[in-house]
Amino acid sequence: MIEHSVDFTAVLSHAMSKMISPAALVALGLCLCALDADAAEPRRPATPPDWFHVYQIAAATYAISEPKYWQENVSYLLIGTRRALLFDTGPGLYSIRAEVLRLTPLPLIVIPSHLHFDHVGDLEEFGDVRLPDVPNLRAQVHKGYFTEATEQYMLRNVAFGYRVGGFVKDGQSIDLGGRTVRLLSTPGHTPDSVSLIDGEGARLFTGDLVNRVATLYAVPGSDVPAAAASLKRLLKVGHPGTRVYEAHAEAALSWPELKELSGGIDAIASGRGGTSAKICLDTTPMRRFMIGQFPVLLPMEGGPAQAPLESATQVLDFGGNACN
């Protein structure tokens, strides 16, 4: 038996990088324990047994949900015969990499749907991270290392970066072996948002372009006309049997629901969105439009976007609250 000493500095550093205090970890009863001596394995708190909900959505295709997290993130693993692709990595409070290793031993490509903290957690754990091939993202890479700006990461006072193994062009196909997926640029929620097309349009993985609980076009870089154009583009590659897998709900969106959202967001973009209600997201005033049962949040006319959060565990009520 090989004994490994616990590097508490590394563990506490990881906790602080997620803006969770070591005291909070102890209060939650989490264990600080050493993992294998493999350099690719981080030392971190043990994952609670019910933190991840892994379920199959199609052949060699898995959703990795985090229902105990306040945003209920869902990441997706697509497995080919030669390699696999992980779309998003969640908030990084616990190791999604460990969950992936239980599902496949194949080499892994990781692509975030966009750069917010709850979609890029622990990207530093992975050896082949790829980003959209756009000039501003390339310009942020220095010696192979990408550092996110605060308005991209959406957490205050946190420096977050990771190694980038490559860039993927808009419309480029990725061969996983016996399976090809295609990346599309789908700005709207953020300028760098992307979606994946799988199974010749049978499955669309769309990140936060539209969400069941609340679609948010109120963060830095949000663009409602761009979102409307992105949704029209997706409607051209899908078909009536298409299922749409977003990043914050286990229930997929149906083709009629995607069409409903596309029409409603196009109406908002063109000024035909009807009336909106004023709410506050934390302390930021917002306009809430309803597209059927789907809320869509925009800043007030001329008002500020949602500010970065203090920590990954700061909770926002997307239902909104009364403004003071």
C-alpha atoms as a PDB file:
ATOM      1  CA  MET A   1       0.000   0.000   0.000  1.00  0.00           C
ATOM      2  CA  ILE A   2       1.395   3.362  -1.037  1.00  0.00           C
ATOM      3  CA  GLU A   3       0.755   6.202   1.354  1.00  0.00           C
ATOM      4  CA  HIS A   4       0.140   9.710   0.017  1.00  0.00           C
ATOM      5  CA  SER A   5       0.361  12.783   2.177  1.00  0.00           C
ATOM      6  CA  VAL A   6      -2.547  15.228   1.922  1.00  0.00           C
ATOM      7  CA  ASP A   7      -1.670  18.526   0.303  1.00  0.00           C
ATOM      8  CA  PHE A   8      -4.099  20.704   2.269  1.00  0.00           C
ATOM      9  CA  THR A   9      -2.775  23.810   0.543  1.00  0.00           C
ATOM     10  CA  ALA A  10      -3.931  22.455  -2.797  1.00  0.00           C
ATOM     11  CA  VAL A  11      -7.309  21.448  -1.411  1.00  0.00           C
ATOM     12  CA  LEU A  12      -7.953  24.779   0.248  1.00  0.00           C
ATOM     13  CA  SER A  13      -6.724  26.616  -2.833  1.00  0.00           C
ATOM     14  CA  HIS A  14      -9.258  24.716  -4.918  1.00  0.00           C
ATOM     15  CA  ALA A  15     -12.014  25.597  -2.467  1.00  0.00           C
ATOM     16  CA  MET A  16     -11.083  29.260  -2.496  1.00  0.00           C
ATOM     17  CA  SER A  17     -10.969  29.291  -6.294  1.00  0.00           C
ATOM     18  CA  LYS A  18     -14.672  28.391  -6.167  1.00  0.00           C
ATOM     19  CA  MET A  19     -15.232  31.049  -3.485  1.00  0.00           C
ATOM     20  CA  ILE A  20     -16.187  28.435  -0.878  1.00  0.00           C
ATOM     21  CA  SER A  21     -14.462  28.907   2.436  1.00  0.00           C
ATOM     22  CA  PRO A  22     -12.611  26.010   4.069  1.00  0.00           C
ATOM     23  CA  ALA A  23     -14.780  26.554   7.152  1.00  0.00           C
ATOM     24  CA  ALA A  24     -17.857  26.076   5.022  1.00  0.00           C
ATOM     25  CA  LEU A  25     -16.491  22.797   3.731  1.00  0.00           C
ATOM     26  CA  VAL A  26     -15.968  21.572   7.275  1.00  0.00           C
ATOM     27  CA  ALA A  27     -19.434  22.770   8.279  1.00  0.00           C
ATOM     28  CA  LEU A  28     -20.907  20.754   5.424  1.00  0.00           C
ATOM     29  CA  GLY A  29     -19.101  17.682   6.692  1.00  0.00           C
ATOM     30  CA  LEU A  30     -17.029  17.329   3.532  1.00  0.00           C
ATOM     31  CA  CYS A  31     -13.867  15.245   3.627  1.00  0.00           C
ATOM     32  CA  LEU A  32     -10.543  16.659   2.486  1.00  0.00           C
ATOM     33  CA  CYS A  33      -8.777  13.607   1.170  1.00  0.00           C
ATOM     34  CA  ALA A  34      -5.877  12.790  -1.119  1.00  0.00           C
ATOM     35  CA  LEU A  35      -6.552  11.187  -4.478  1.00  0.00           C
ATOM     36  CA  ASP A  36      -4.166   9.118  -6.567  1.00  0.00           C
ATOM     37  CA  ALA A  37      -0.666  10.417  -7.100  1.00  0.00           C
ATOM     38  CA  ASP A  38      -1.496  10.874 -10.805  1.00  0.00           C
ATOM     39  CA  ALA A  39      -0.803  14.536 -11.600  1.00  0.00           C
ATOM     40  CA  ALA A  40      -4.027  14.733 -13.619  1.00  0.00           C
ATOM     41  CA  GLU A  41      -6.086  13.906 -10.533  1.00  0.00           C
ATOM     42  CA  PRO A  42      -6.816  16.954  -8.359  1.00  0.00           C
ATOM     43  CA  ARG A  43      -7.035  16.772  -4.565  1.00  0.00           C
ATOM     44  CA  ARG A  44     -10.465  17.947  -3.541  1.00  0.00           C
ATOM     45  CA  PRO A  45     -13.499  17.290  -1.318  1.00  0.00           C
ATOM     46  CA  ALA A  46     -15.248  13.956  -1.705  1.00  0.00           C
ATOM     47  CA  THR A  47     -18.347  14.089  -3.897  1.00  0.00           C
ATOM     48  CA  PRO A  48     -21.646  13.477  -2.067  1.00  0.00           C
ATOM     49  CA  PRO A  49     -23.233  10.285  -3.434  1.00  0.00           C
ATOM     50  CA  ASP A  50     -26.286  12.066  -4.837  1.00  0.00           C
ATOM     51  CA  TRP A  51     -24.609  15.183  -6.257  1.00  0.00           C
ATOM     52  CA  PHE A  52     -24.523  13.947  -9.869  1.00  0.00           C
ATOM     53  CA  HIS A  53     -27.470  12.382 -11.665  1.00  0.00           C
ATOM     54  CA  VAL A  54     -26.177  10.532 -14.723  1.00  0.00           C
ATOM     55  CA  TYR A  55     -28.702   9.183 -17.205  1.00  0.00           C
ATOM     56  CA  GLN A  56     -28.675   8.034 -20.816  1.00  0.00           C
ATOM     57  CA  ILE A  57     -30.569  10.107 -23.387  1.00  0.00           C
ATOM     58  CA  ALA A  58     -29.563   8.195 -26.530  1.00  0.00           C
ATOM     59  CA  ALA A  59     -27.089   5.525 -27.583  1.00  0.00           C
ATOM     60  CA  ALA A  60     -23.634   6.406 -26.180  1.00  0.00           C
ATOM     61  CA  THR A  61     -25.025   9.767 -25.037  1.00  0.00           C
ATOM     62  CA  TYR A  62     -25.330  10.801 -21.395  1.00  0.00           C
ATOM     63  CA  ALA A  63     -26.601  13.753 -19.412  1.00  0.00           C
ATOM     64  CA  ILE A  64     -24.620  14.549 -16.267  1.00  0.00           C
ATOM     65  CA  SER A  65     -26.928  16.629 -14.120  1.00  0.00           C
ATOM     66  CA  GLU A  66     -26.185  18.392 -10.827  1.00  0.00           C
ATOM     67  CA  PRO A  67     -29.669  18.654  -9.301  1.00  0.00           C
ATOM     68  CA  LYS A  68     -28.377  19.646  -5.851  1.00  0.00           C
ATOM     69  CA  TYR A  69     -26.708  22.752  -7.256  1.00  0.00           C
ATOM     70  CA  TRP A  70     -28.891  25.848  -7.219  1.00  0.00           C
ATOM     71  CA  GLN A  71     -28.725  26.259 -11.026  1.00  0.00           C
ATOM     72  CA  GLU A  72     -29.242  22.530 -11.653  1.00  0.00           C
ATOM     73  CA  ASN A  73     -26.633  22.418 -14.408  1.00  0.00           C
ATOM     74  CA  VAL A  74     -26.694  19.642 -16.983  1.00  0.00           C
ATOM     75  CA  SER A  75     -23.584  18.731 -18.996  1.00  0.00           C
ATOM     76  CA  TYR A  76     -23.540  16.214 -21.837  1.00  0.00           C
ATOM     77  CA  LEU A  77     -21.182  13.394 -22.811  1.00  0.00           C
ATOM     78  CA  LEU A  78     -21.183  12.149 -26.409  1.00  0.00           C
ATOM     79  CA  ILE A  79     -19.163   8.968 -26.995  1.00  0.00           C
ATOM     80  CA  GLY A  80     -17.771   7.726 -30.304  1.00  0.00           C
ATOM     81  CA  THR A  81     -15.606   4.706 -31.058  1.00  0.00           C
ATOM     82  CA  ARG A  82     -12.294   6.594 -30.854  1.00  0.00           C
ATOM     83  CA  ARG A  83     -12.956   9.500 -28.514  1.00  0.00           C
ATOM     84  CA  ALA A  84     -15.658  11.276 -26.552  1.00  0.00           C
ATOM     85  CA  LEU A  85     -16.828  14.878 -26.239  1.00  0.00           C
ATOM     86  CA  LEU A  86     -17.978  16.584 -23.042  1.00  0.00           C
ATOM     87  CA  PHE A  87     -20.149  19.647 -23.605  1.00  0.00           C
ATOM     88  CA  ASP A  88     -19.870  21.863 -20.490  1.00  0.00           C
ATOM     89  CA  THR A  89     -18.370  20.892 -17.150  1.00  0.00           C
ATOM     90  CA  GLY A  90     -20.786  22.469 -14.665  1.00  0.00           C
ATOM     91  CA  PRO A  91     -19.785  24.732 -11.745  1.00  0.00           C
ATOM     92  CA  GLY A  92     -16.871  22.576 -10.612  1.00  0.00           C
ATOM     93  CA  LEU A  93     -17.872  22.189  -6.981  1.00  0.00           C
ATOM     94  CA  TYR A  94     -17.233  18.455  -7.306  1.00  0.00           C
ATOM     95  CA  SER A  95     -15.344  16.466  -9.920  1.00  0.00           C
ATOM     96  CA  ILE A  96     -17.295  15.890 -13.104  1.00  0.00           C
ATOM     97  CA  ARG A  97     -14.149  14.316 -14.520  1.00  0.00           C
ATOM     98  CA  ALA A  98     -14.549  11.401 -12.142  1.00  0.00           C
ATOM     99  CA  GLU A  99     -18.092  10.863 -13.436  1.00  0.00           C
ATOM    100  CA  VAL A 100     -16.877  10.911 -17.043  1.00  0.00           C
ATOM    101  CA  LEU A 101     -14.176   8.334 -16.284  1.00  0.00           C
ATOM    102  CA  ARG A 102     -16.869   5.984 -15.002  1.00  0.00           C
ATOM    103  CA  LEU A 103     -18.601   6.192 -18.383  1.00  0.00           C
ATOM    104  CA  THR A 104     -15.721   6.002 -20.851  1.00  0.00           C
ATOM    105  CA  PRO A 105     -11.956   5.433 -20.942  1.00  0.00           C
ATOM    106  CA  LEU A 106     -11.638   7.117 -24.343  1.00  0.00           C
ATOM    107  CA  PRO A 107      -9.637  10.293 -25.003  1.00  0.00           C
ATOM    108  CA  LEU A 108     -11.829  13.283 -24.273  1.00  0.00           C
ATOM    109  CA  ILE A 109     -12.474  16.614 -25.995  1.00  0.00           C
ATOM    110  CA  VAL A 110     -14.125  19.259 -23.800  1.00  0.00           C
ATOM    111  CA  ILE A 111     -16.030  22.219 -25.255  1.00  0.00           C
ATOM    112  CA  PRO A 112     -17.920  24.718 -23.080  1.00  0.00           C
ATOM    113  CA  SER A 113     -21.195  26.079 -24.430  1.00  0.00           C
ATOM    114  CA  HIS A 114     -20.000  29.473 -23.159  1.00  0.00           C
ATOM    115  CA  LEU A 115     -17.587  30.813 -20.577  1.00  0.00           C
ATOM    116  CA  HIS A 116     -19.707  31.464 -17.460  1.00  0.00           C
ATOM    117  CA  PHE A 117     -18.415  29.906 -14.231  1.00  0.00           C
ATOM    118  CA  ASP A 118     -21.200  27.339 -14.056  1.00  0.00           C
ATOM    119  CA  HIS A 119     -20.226  25.875 -17.443  1.00  0.00           C
ATOM    120  CA  VAL A 120     -16.417  25.817 -17.209  1.00  0.00           C
ATOM    121  CA  GLY A 121     -15.833  24.472 -13.702  1.00  0.00           C
ATOM    122  CA  ASP A 122     -12.643  22.416 -13.472  1.00  0.00           C
ATOM    123  CA  LEU A 123     -11.703  22.841 -17.122  1.00  0.00           C
ATOM    124  CA  GLU A 124      -8.154  22.859 -15.804  1.00  0.00           C
ATOM    125  CA  GLU A 125      -8.599  19.135 -15.067  1.00  0.00           C
ATOM    126  CA  PHE A 126      -8.891  18.247 -18.748  1.00  0.00           C
ATOM    127  CA  GLY A 127      -6.110  17.898 -21.297  1.00  0.00           C
ATOM    128  CA  ASP A 128      -7.970  18.792 -24.509  1.00  0.00           C
ATOM    129  CA  VAL A 129     -10.145  21.873 -24.045  1.00  0.00           C
ATOM    130  CA  ARG A 130     -11.326  23.549 -27.255  1.00  0.00           C
ATOM    131  CA  LEU A 131     -12.921  26.950 -27.665  1.00  0.00           C
ATOM    132  CA  PRO A 132     -14.767  28.671 -30.521  1.00  0.00           C
ATOM    133  CA  ASP A 133     -12.365  29.972 -33.146  1.00  0.00           C
ATOM    134  CA  VAL A 134     -12.979  33.716 -32.859  1.00  0.00           C
ATOM    135  CA  PRO A 135     -10.324  36.454 -32.747  1.00  0.00           C
ATOM    136  CA  ASN A 136     -11.071  37.818 -29.273  1.00  0.00           C
ATOM    137  CA  LEU A 137     -10.777  34.383 -27.658  1.00  0.00           C
ATOM    138  CA  ARG A 138      -7.570  33.593 -29.513  1.00  0.00           C
ATOM    139  CA  ALA A 139      -6.159  36.922 -28.307  1.00  0.00           C
ATOM    140  CA  GLN A 140      -6.753  35.856 -24.685  1.00  0.00           C
ATOM    141  CA  VAL A 141      -4.482  32.827 -25.028  1.00  0.00           C
ATOM    142  CA  HIS A 142      -0.881  33.295 -23.914  1.00  0.00           C
ATOM    143  CA  LYS A 143       1.546  30.386 -24.164  1.00  0.00           C
ATOM    144  CA  GLY A 144      -1.383  28.020 -24.531  1.00  0.00           C
ATOM    145  CA  TYR A 145      -3.154  29.318 -21.430  1.00  0.00           C
ATOM    146  CA  PHE A 146      -6.547  31.067 -21.564  1.00  0.00           C
ATOM    147  CA  THR A 147      -7.547  33.471 -18.785  1.00  0.00           C
ATOM    148  CA  GLU A 148     -11.176  34.537 -18.593  1.00  0.00           C
ATOM    149  CA  ALA A 149     -12.219  38.137 -18.119  1.00  0.00           C
ATOM    150  CA  THR A 150     -14.597  38.851 -15.221  1.00  0.00           C
ATOM    151  CA  GLU A 151     -17.514  39.584 -17.571  1.00  0.00           C
ATOM    152  CA  GLN A 152     -16.933  36.208 -19.247  1.00  0.00           C
ATOM    153  CA  TYR A 153     -16.557  34.159 -16.070  1.00  0.00           C
ATOM    154  CA  MET A 154     -19.246  36.111 -14.151  1.00  0.00           C
ATOM    155  CA  LEU A 155     -17.648  35.774 -10.709  1.00  0.00           C
ATOM    156  CA  ARG A 156     -15.987  38.712  -8.970  1.00  0.00           C
ATOM    157  CA  ASN A 157     -12.405  38.680  -7.730  1.00  0.00           C
ATOM    158  CA  VAL A 158     -11.607  35.270  -9.196  1.00  0.00           C
ATOM    159  CA  ALA A 159      -8.802  34.661 -11.682  1.00  0.00           C
ATOM    160  CA  PHE A 160      -9.706  31.554 -13.677  1.00  0.00           C
ATOM    161  CA  GLY A 161      -7.809  30.020 -16.545  1.00  0.00           C
ATOM    162  CA  TYR A 162      -6.963  26.748 -18.242  1.00  0.00           C
ATOM    163  CA  ARG A 163      -4.907  25.312 -21.060  1.00  0.00           C
ATOM    164  CA  VAL A 164      -6.510  25.329 -24.504  1.00  0.00           C
ATOM    165  CA  GLY A 165      -5.770  22.477 -26.878  1.00  0.00           C
ATOM    166  CA  GLY A 166      -7.384  23.982 -29.960  1.00  0.00           C
ATOM    167  CA  PHE A 167     -10.128  26.028 -31.549  1.00  0.00           C
ATOM    168  CA  VAL A 168     -13.235  24.939 -33.432  1.00  0.00           C
ATOM    169  CA  LYS A 169     -14.612  26.970 -36.327  1.00  0.00           C
ATOM    170  CA  ASP A 170     -18.271  27.786 -36.790  1.00  0.00           C
ATOM    171  CA  GLY A 171     -19.820  24.913 -38.724  1.00  0.00           C
ATOM    172  CA  GLN A 172     -16.850  22.592 -38.201  1.00  0.00           C
ATOM    173  CA  SER A 173     -17.462  18.883 -37.763  1.00  0.00           C
ATOM    174  CA  ILE A 174     -15.734  16.825 -35.084  1.00  0.00           C
ATOM    175  CA  ASP A 175     -15.152  13.144 -35.813  1.00  0.00           C
ATOM    176  CA  LEU A 176     -15.497  11.023 -32.664  1.00  0.00           C
ATOM    177  CA  GLY A 177     -15.198   7.740 -34.550  1.00  0.00           C
ATOM    178  CA  GLY A 178     -18.404   6.365 -36.042  1.00  0.00           C
ATOM    179  CA  ARG A 179     -20.069   9.577 -34.964  1.00  0.00           C
ATOM    180  CA  THR A 180     -19.729  13.151 -36.172  1.00  0.00           C
ATOM    181  CA  VAL A 181     -20.992  16.217 -34.346  1.00  0.00           C
ATOM    182  CA  ARG A 182     -21.010  19.762 -35.653  1.00  0.00           C
ATOM    183  CA  LEU A 183     -20.443  23.007 -33.773  1.00  0.00           C
ATOM    184  CA  LEU A 184     -22.494  26.093 -34.575  1.00  0.00           C
ATOM    185  CA  SER A 185     -21.941  29.597 -33.293  1.00  0.00           C
ATOM    186  CA  THR A 186     -25.182  30.579 -31.561  1.00  0.00           C
ATOM    187  CA  PRO A 187     -24.675  33.962 -29.868  1.00  0.00           C
ATOM    188  CA  GLY A 188     -27.442  35.544 -27.847  1.00  0.00           C
ATOM    189  CA  HIS A 189     -26.941  34.658 -24.212  1.00  0.00           C
ATOM    190  CA  THR A 190     -23.259  35.558 -24.683  1.00  0.00           C
ATOM    191  CA  PRO A 191     -21.249  36.472 -27.805  1.00  0.00           C
ATOM    192  CA  ASP A 192     -19.194  33.257 -27.618  1.00  0.00           C
ATOM    193  CA  SER A 193     -22.084  30.817 -27.088  1.00  0.00           C
ATOM    194  CA  VAL A 194     -22.089  27.671 -29.224  1.00  0.00           C
ATOM    195  CA  SER A 195     -24.381  24.695 -29.822  1.00  0.00           C
ATOM    196  CA  LEU A 196     -23.708  21.125 -30.939  1.00  0.00           C
ATOM    197  CA  ILE A 197     -25.611  19.280 -33.669  1.00  0.00           C
ATOM    198  CA  ASP A 198     -25.703  15.499 -33.207  1.00  0.00           C
ATOM    199  CA  GLY A 199     -27.364  12.645 -35.051  1.00  0.00           C
ATOM    200  CA  GLU A 200     -28.020  14.709 -38.194  1.00  0.00           C
ATOM    201  CA  GLY A 201     -30.119  17.108 -36.170  1.00  0.00           C
ATOM    202  CA  ALA A 202     -31.875  14.544 -33.984  1.00  0.00           C
ATOM    203  CA  ARG A 203     -30.279  16.161 -30.930  1.00  0.00           C
ATOM    204  CA  LEU A 204     -29.339  19.802 -30.387  1.00  0.00           C
ATOM    205  CA  PHE A 205     -27.248  20.780 -27.364  1.00  0.00           C
ATOM    206  CA  THR A 206     -27.798  24.486 -26.874  1.00  0.00           C
ATOM    207  CA  GLY A 207     -26.290  25.618 -23.549  1.00  0.00           C
ATOM    208  CA  ASP A 208     -28.060  28.733 -22.302  1.00  0.00           C
ATOM    209  CA  LEU A 209     -29.378  30.002 -25.622  1.00  0.00           C
ATOM    210  CA  VAL A 210     -32.855  29.194 -24.299  1.00  0.00           C
ATOM    211  CA  ASN A 211     -33.778  27.714 -20.931  1.00  0.00           C
ATOM    212  CA  ARG A 212     -36.923  26.237 -19.500  1.00  0.00           C
ATOM    213  CA  VAL A 213     -36.782  27.955 -16.087  1.00  0.00           C
ATOM    214  CA  ALA A 214     -35.710  31.366 -17.404  1.00  0.00           C
ATOM    215  CA  THR A 215     -33.882  32.534 -20.522  1.00  0.00           C
ATOM    216  CA  LEU A 216     -31.411  35.228 -19.549  1.00  0.00           C
ATOM    217  CA  TYR A 217     -30.431  37.901 -22.061  1.00  0.00           C
ATOM    218  CA  ALA A 218     -29.295  40.214 -19.303  1.00  0.00           C
ATOM    219  CA  VAL A 219     -25.609  39.443 -18.790  1.00  0.00           C
ATOM    220  CA  PRO A 220     -22.666  41.310 -20.357  1.00  0.00           C
ATOM    221  CA  GLY A 221     -22.695  40.663 -24.099  1.00  0.00           C
ATOM    222  CA  SER A 222     -26.292  39.406 -24.301  1.00  0.00           C
ATOM    223  CA  ASP A 223     -27.920  40.252 -27.626  1.00  0.00           C
ATOM    224  CA  VAL A 224     -31.583  39.509 -28.315  1.00  0.00           C
ATOM    225  CA  PRO A 225     -31.440  40.006 -32.135  1.00  0.00           C
ATOM    226  CA  ALA A 226     -28.426  37.663 -32.218  1.00  0.00           C
ATOM    227  CA  ALA A 227     -30.384  35.101 -30.174  1.00  0.00           C
ATOM    228  CA  ALA A 228     -33.308  35.347 -32.599  1.00  0.00           C
ATOM    229  CA  ALA A 229     -30.953  34.726 -35.523  1.00  0.00           C
ATOM    230  CA  SER A 230     -29.307  31.798 -33.712  1.00  0.00           C
ATOM    231  CA  LEU A 231     -32.664  30.140 -33.066  1.00  0.00           C
ATOM    232  CA  LYS A 232     -33.685  30.514 -36.701  1.00  0.00           C
ATOM    233  CA  ARG A 233     -30.416  28.884 -37.671  1.00  0.00           C
ATOM    234  CA  LEU A 234     -31.071  25.933 -35.371  1.00  0.00           C
ATOM    235  CA  LEU A 235     -34.572  25.495 -36.782  1.00  0.00           C
ATOM    236  CA  LYS A 236     -32.967  24.957 -40.195  1.00  0.00           C
ATOM    237  CA  VAL A 237     -30.823  22.042 -38.980  1.00  0.00           C
ATOM    238  CA  GLY A 238     -33.453  20.315 -36.855  1.00  0.00           C
ATOM    239  CA  HIS A 239     -36.737  18.616 -37.709  1.00  0.00           C
ATOM    240  CA  PRO A 240     -40.035  17.806 -35.968  1.00  0.00           C
ATOM    241  CA  GLY A 241     -38.465  14.884 -34.102  1.00  0.00           C
ATOM    242  CA  THR A 242     -35.522  16.900 -32.767  1.00  0.00           C
ATOM    243  CA  ARG A 243     -34.916  17.051 -29.018  1.00  0.00           C
ATOM    244  CA  VAL A 244     -33.228  20.149 -27.610  1.00  0.00           C
ATOM    245  CA  TYR A 245     -30.989  19.679 -24.580  1.00  0.00           C
ATOM    246  CA  GLU A 246     -30.347  22.880 -22.651  1.00  0.00           C
ATOM    247  CA  ALA A 247     -28.015  23.393 -19.719  1.00  0.00           C
ATOM    248  CA  HIS A 248     -30.286  23.970 -16.704  1.00  0.00           C
ATOM    249  CA  ALA A 249     -33.119  21.447 -16.898  1.00  0.00           C
ATOM    250  CA  GLU A 250     -33.249  17.679 -17.259  1.00  0.00           C
ATOM    251  CA  ALA A 251     -36.422  17.925 -19.344  1.00  0.00           C
ATOM    252  CA  ALA A 252     -35.484  18.440 -22.988  1.00  0.00           C
ATOM    253  CA  LEU A 253     -37.262  21.033 -25.066  1.00  0.00           C
ATOM    254  CA  SER A 254     -39.476  19.657 -27.811  1.00  0.00           C
ATOM    255  CA  TRP A 255     -39.450  20.883 -31.405  1.00  0.00           C
ATOM    256  CA  PRO A 256     -42.769  22.794 -30.923  1.00  0.00           C
ATOM    257  CA  GLU A 257     -41.331  24.447 -27.802  1.00  0.00           C
ATOM    258  CA  LEU A 258     -38.196  25.505 -29.685  1.00  0.00           C
ATOM    259  CA  LYS A 259     -40.348  26.974 -32.460  1.00  0.00           C
ATOM    260  CA  GLU A 260     -42.476  28.794 -29.883  1.00  0.00           C
ATOM    261  CA  LEU A 261     -39.392  30.273 -28.224  1.00  0.00           C
ATOM    262  CA  SER A 262     -37.879  31.235 -31.559  1.00  0.00           C
ATOM    263  CA  GLY A 263     -41.021  33.089 -32.617  1.00  0.00           C
ATOM    264  CA  GLY A 264     -41.378  34.832 -29.269  1.00  0.00           C
ATOM    265  CA  ILE A 265     -37.754  35.929 -29.073  1.00  0.00           C
ATOM    266  CA  ASP A 266     -37.890  37.186 -32.646  1.00  0.00           C
ATOM    267  CA  ALA A 267     -40.945  39.248 -31.650  1.00  0.00           C
ATOM    268  CA  ILE A 268     -39.090  40.700 -28.636  1.00  0.00           C
ATOM    269  CA  ALA A 269     -36.089  41.520 -30.821  1.00  0.00           C
ATOM    270  CA  SER A 270     -38.282  43.391 -33.297  1.00  0.00           C
ATOM    271  CA  GLY A 271     -40.246  45.276 -30.644  1.00  0.00           C
ATOM    272  CA  ARG A 272     -43.375  43.119 -30.945  1.00  0.00           C
ATOM    273  CA  GLY A 273     -42.884  41.241 -27.693  1.00  0.00           C
ATOM    274  CA  GLY A 274     -45.874  42.717 -25.903  1.00  0.00           C
ATOM    275  CA  THR A 275     -45.841  43.913 -22.321  1.00  0.00           C
ATOM    276  CA  SER A 276     -43.245  43.002 -19.748  1.00  0.00           C
ATOM    277  CA  ALA A 277     -43.230  42.970 -15.965  1.00  0.00           C
ATOM    278  CA  LYS A 278     -40.582  44.751 -13.929  1.00  0.00           C
ATOM    279  CA  ILE A 279     -38.731  42.478 -11.524  1.00  0.00           C
ATOM    280  CA  CYS A 280     -35.354  42.514  -9.837  1.00  0.00           C
ATOM    281  CA  LEU A 281     -32.753  39.789 -10.253  1.00  0.00           C
ATOM    282  CA  ASP A 282     -30.878  40.198  -6.997  1.00  0.00           C
ATOM    283  CA  THR A 283     -30.758  44.031  -7.019  1.00  0.00           C
ATOM    284  CA  THR A 284     -30.703  44.535 -10.806  1.00  0.00           C
ATOM    285  CA  PRO A 285     -33.992  45.723 -12.365  1.00  0.00           C
ATOM    286  CA  MET A 286     -35.136  43.533 -15.259  1.00  0.00           C
ATOM    287  CA  ARG A 287     -37.943  43.236 -17.765  1.00  0.00           C
ATOM    288  CA  ARG A 288     -39.647  39.835 -17.772  1.00  0.00           C
ATOM    289  CA  PHE A 289     -41.399  38.802 -20.956  1.00  0.00           C
ATOM    290  CA  MET A 290     -43.441  35.618 -21.145  1.00  0.00           C
ATOM    291  CA  ILE A 291     -43.375  33.380 -24.221  1.00  0.00           C
ATOM    292  CA  GLY A 292     -46.123  30.951 -23.347  1.00  0.00           C
ATOM    293  CA  GLN A 293     -44.866  29.375 -20.115  1.00  0.00           C
ATOM    294  CA  PHE A 294     -41.243  30.465 -20.690  1.00  0.00           C
ATOM    295  CA  PRO A 295     -39.876  33.580 -18.921  1.00  0.00           C
ATOM    296  CA  VAL A 296     -37.309  35.691 -20.786  1.00  0.00           C
ATOM    297  CA  LEU A 297     -35.328  38.277 -18.820  1.00  0.00           C
ATOM    298  CA  LEU A 298     -33.849  41.448 -20.310  1.00  0.00           C
ATOM    299  CA  PRO A 299     -32.307  44.517 -18.684  1.00  0.00           C
ATOM    300  CA  MET A 300     -34.409  47.636 -18.350  1.00  0.00           C
ATOM    301  CA  GLU A 301     -34.143  49.992 -21.319  1.00  0.00           C
ATOM    302  CA  GLY A 302     -30.799  51.730 -20.850  1.00  0.00           C
ATOM    303  CA  GLY A 303     -30.252  49.839 -17.597  1.00  0.00           C
ATOM    304  CA  PRO A 304     -27.313  47.744 -16.452  1.00  0.00           C
ATOM    305  CA  ALA A 305     -26.738  44.071 -17.164  1.00  0.00           C
ATOM    306  CA  GLN A 306     -26.615  41.538 -14.355  1.00  0.00           C
ATOM    307  CA  ALA A 307     -23.394  42.035 -12.396  1.00  0.00           C
ATOM    308  CA  PRO A 308     -20.958  39.159 -11.745  1.00  0.00           C
ATOM    309  CA  LEU A 309     -21.746  37.169  -8.621  1.00  0.00           C
ATOM    310  CA  GLU A 310     -19.736  37.056  -5.424  1.00  0.00           C
ATOM    311  CA  SER A 311     -19.388  33.271  -5.490  1.00  0.00           C
ATOM    312  CA  ALA A 312     -20.526  30.125  -7.267  1.00  0.00           C
ATOM    313  CA  THR A 313     -22.889  29.446  -4.388  1.00  0.00           C
ATOM    314  CA  GLN A 314     -24.613  32.857  -4.401  1.00  0.00           C
ATOM    315  CA  VAL A 315     -28.237  32.099  -5.263  1.00  0.00           C
ATOM    316  CA  LEU A 316     -30.370  34.188  -7.609  1.00  0.00           C
ATOM    317  CA  ASP A 317     -34.127  33.839  -7.803  1.00  0.00           C
ATOM    318  CA  PHE A 318     -34.870  33.715 -11.545  1.00  0.00           C
ATOM    319  CA  GLY A 319     -38.516  34.158 -10.700  1.00  0.00           C
ATOM    320  CA  GLY A 320     -37.550  37.665  -9.666  1.00  0.00           C
ATOM    321  CA  ASN A 321     -38.384  39.684  -6.602  1.00  0.00           C
ATOM    322  CA  ALA A 322     -39.801  43.092  -5.884  1.00  0.00           C
ATOM    323  CA  CYS A 323     -37.421  45.956  -6.523  1.00  0.00           C
ATOM    324  CA  ASN A 324     -36.627  48.150  -3.541  1.00  0.00           C
END
